[in-house]
Amino acid sequence: MQQGAELDIELVKQKIKDYRIENYEDMLKSLLGRLSVIVRSANFKQQMERFLPSNVIERTLDEKKFIQYIDNTLMKLFSTVNLNIYNQAAKQEPEFRM
């Protein structure tokens, strides 16, 4: 999430409704369980390389600390969604701050 941006839970709820996603809770739980593997995968990096210049890749995706930061940031974001919509907390790793 971009620095300074805030999560709008009501907007997330509305989008789930708009797109008629009936199994969002299960999808979210699955994502929370796989997120660390996804952000560390070669496929994830390849997809990001399609959109980012090489100098950005070198500063970010090539750095282990950045991958940990992305993992923690996304885990926190999706856990917050899970907690606010379904009142369920997900297991989180310790936060790393850049």
Protein backbone atom coordinates (compact mmCIF):
# COMPACT_ATOMS: atom_id res chain seq x y z
CA MET A 1 0.00 0.00 0.00
CA GLN A 2 1.30 3.42 -0.85
CA GLN A 3 2.67 5.35 2.11
CA GLY A 4 -0.01 7.50 3.66
CA ALA A 5 -2.85 5.57 1.98
CA GLU A 6 -5.54 4.24 4.28
CA LEU A 7 -7.56 1.08 3.92
CA ASP A 8 -11.27 1.73 3.36
CA ILE A 9 -12.99 -1.38 4.71
CA GLU A 10 -16.40 -0.18 3.56
CA LEU A 11 -15.08 0.12 0.01
CA VAL A 12 -13.66 -3.42 0.21
CA LYS A 13 -17.03 -4.71 1.42
CA GLN A 14 -18.80 -2.88 -1.39
CA LYS A 15 -16.44 -4.31 -4.02
CA ILE A 16 -16.97 -7.84 -2.69
CA LYS A 17 -20.70 -7.23 -3.05
CA ASP A 18 -20.38 -5.51 -6.47
CA TYR A 19 -18.38 -8.40 -7.91
CA ARG A 20 -20.65 -10.96 -6.20
CA ILE A 21 -17.73 -12.79 -4.63
CA GLU A 22 -19.46 -15.40 -2.51
CA ASN A 23 -16.38 -17.19 -1.18
CA TYR A 24 -14.20 -14.17 -0.39
CA GLU A 25 -13.59 -15.29 3.19
CA ASP A 26 -12.19 -18.63 2.02
CA MET A 27 -10.14 -16.94 -0.70
CA LEU A 28 -8.74 -14.47 1.85
CA LYS A 29 -7.82 -17.22 4.30
CA SER A 30 -6.11 -19.14 1.49
CA LEU A 31 -4.16 -16.06 0.46
CA LEU A 32 -3.04 -15.39 4.03
CA GLY A 33 -1.69 -18.94 4.17
CA ARG A 34 0.21 -18.65 0.87
CA LEU A 35 1.27 -15.01 0.82
CA SER A 36 4.88 -15.49 1.96
CA VAL A 37 5.47 -18.16 -0.67
CA ILE A 38 3.90 -16.01 -3.38
CA VAL A 39 5.98 -12.87 -2.76
CA ARG A 40 9.18 -14.93 -2.64
CA SER A 41 8.43 -16.86 -5.83
CA ALA A 42 10.23 -16.48 -9.14
CA ASN A 43 6.85 -16.07 -10.83
CA PHE A 44 6.01 -13.04 -8.68
CA LYS A 45 9.34 -11.42 -9.50
CA GLN A 46 8.92 -12.16 -13.22
CA GLN A 47 5.50 -10.54 -13.24
CA MET A 48 6.81 -7.45 -11.44
CA GLU A 49 9.74 -7.21 -13.88
CA ARG A 50 7.22 -6.74 -16.67
CA PHE A 51 6.08 -3.45 -15.13
CA LEU A 52 9.08 -2.04 -13.27
CA PRO A 53 12.32 -0.61 -14.64
CA SER A 54 15.48 -2.59 -13.91
CA ASN A 55 16.86 0.04 -11.52
CA VAL A 56 13.70 -0.26 -9.41
CA ILE A 57 13.97 -4.06 -9.44
CA GLU A 58 17.57 -3.81 -8.21
CA ARG A 59 16.58 -1.50 -5.32
CA THR A 60 13.52 -3.49 -4.33
CA LEU A 61 12.80 -7.04 -5.47
CA ASP A 62 16.48 -8.00 -5.53
CA GLU A 63 16.78 -7.10 -1.83
CA LYS A 64 15.79 -9.68 0.81
CA LYS A 65 14.82 -6.93 3.26
CA PHE A 66 12.40 -5.47 0.73
CA ILE A 67 10.77 -8.86 0.14
CA GLN A 68 10.33 -9.22 3.91
CA TYR A 69 8.88 -5.70 4.03
CA ILE A 70 6.41 -6.47 1.21
CA ASP A 71 5.44 -9.76 2.84
CA ASN A 72 4.81 -8.09 6.21
CA THR A 73 3.00 -5.12 4.68
CA LEU A 74 0.65 -7.28 2.61
CA MET A 75 0.08 -9.69 5.50
CA LYS A 76 -0.85 -6.77 7.73
CA LEU A 77 -3.17 -5.32 5.07
CA PHE A 78 -5.02 -8.57 4.34
CA SER A 79 -5.13 -9.47 8.05
CA THR A 80 -6.75 -6.11 8.73
CA VAL A 81 -9.34 -6.83 6.04
CA ASN A 82 -9.94 -10.27 7.58
CA LEU A 83 -10.27 -8.84 11.08
CA ASN A 84 -12.58 -6.00 10.06
CA ILE A 85 -14.87 -7.97 7.79
CA TYR A 86 -14.91 -11.38 9.48
CA ASN A 87 -13.70 -10.42 12.98
CA GLN A 88 -10.86 -12.94 12.72
CA ALA A 89 -7.22 -12.21 13.34
CA ALA A 90 -4.58 -13.93 11.22
CA LYS A 91 -1.15 -15.01 12.44
CA GLN A 92 1.37 -12.28 11.66
CA GLU A 93 5.13 -12.20 11.49
CA PRO A 94 7.01 -9.44 13.32
CA GLU A 95 6.85 -6.18 11.37
CA PHE A 96 9.93 -4.86 9.54
CA ARG A 97 10.04 -1.13 8.90
CA MET A 98 11.93 0.30 5.96
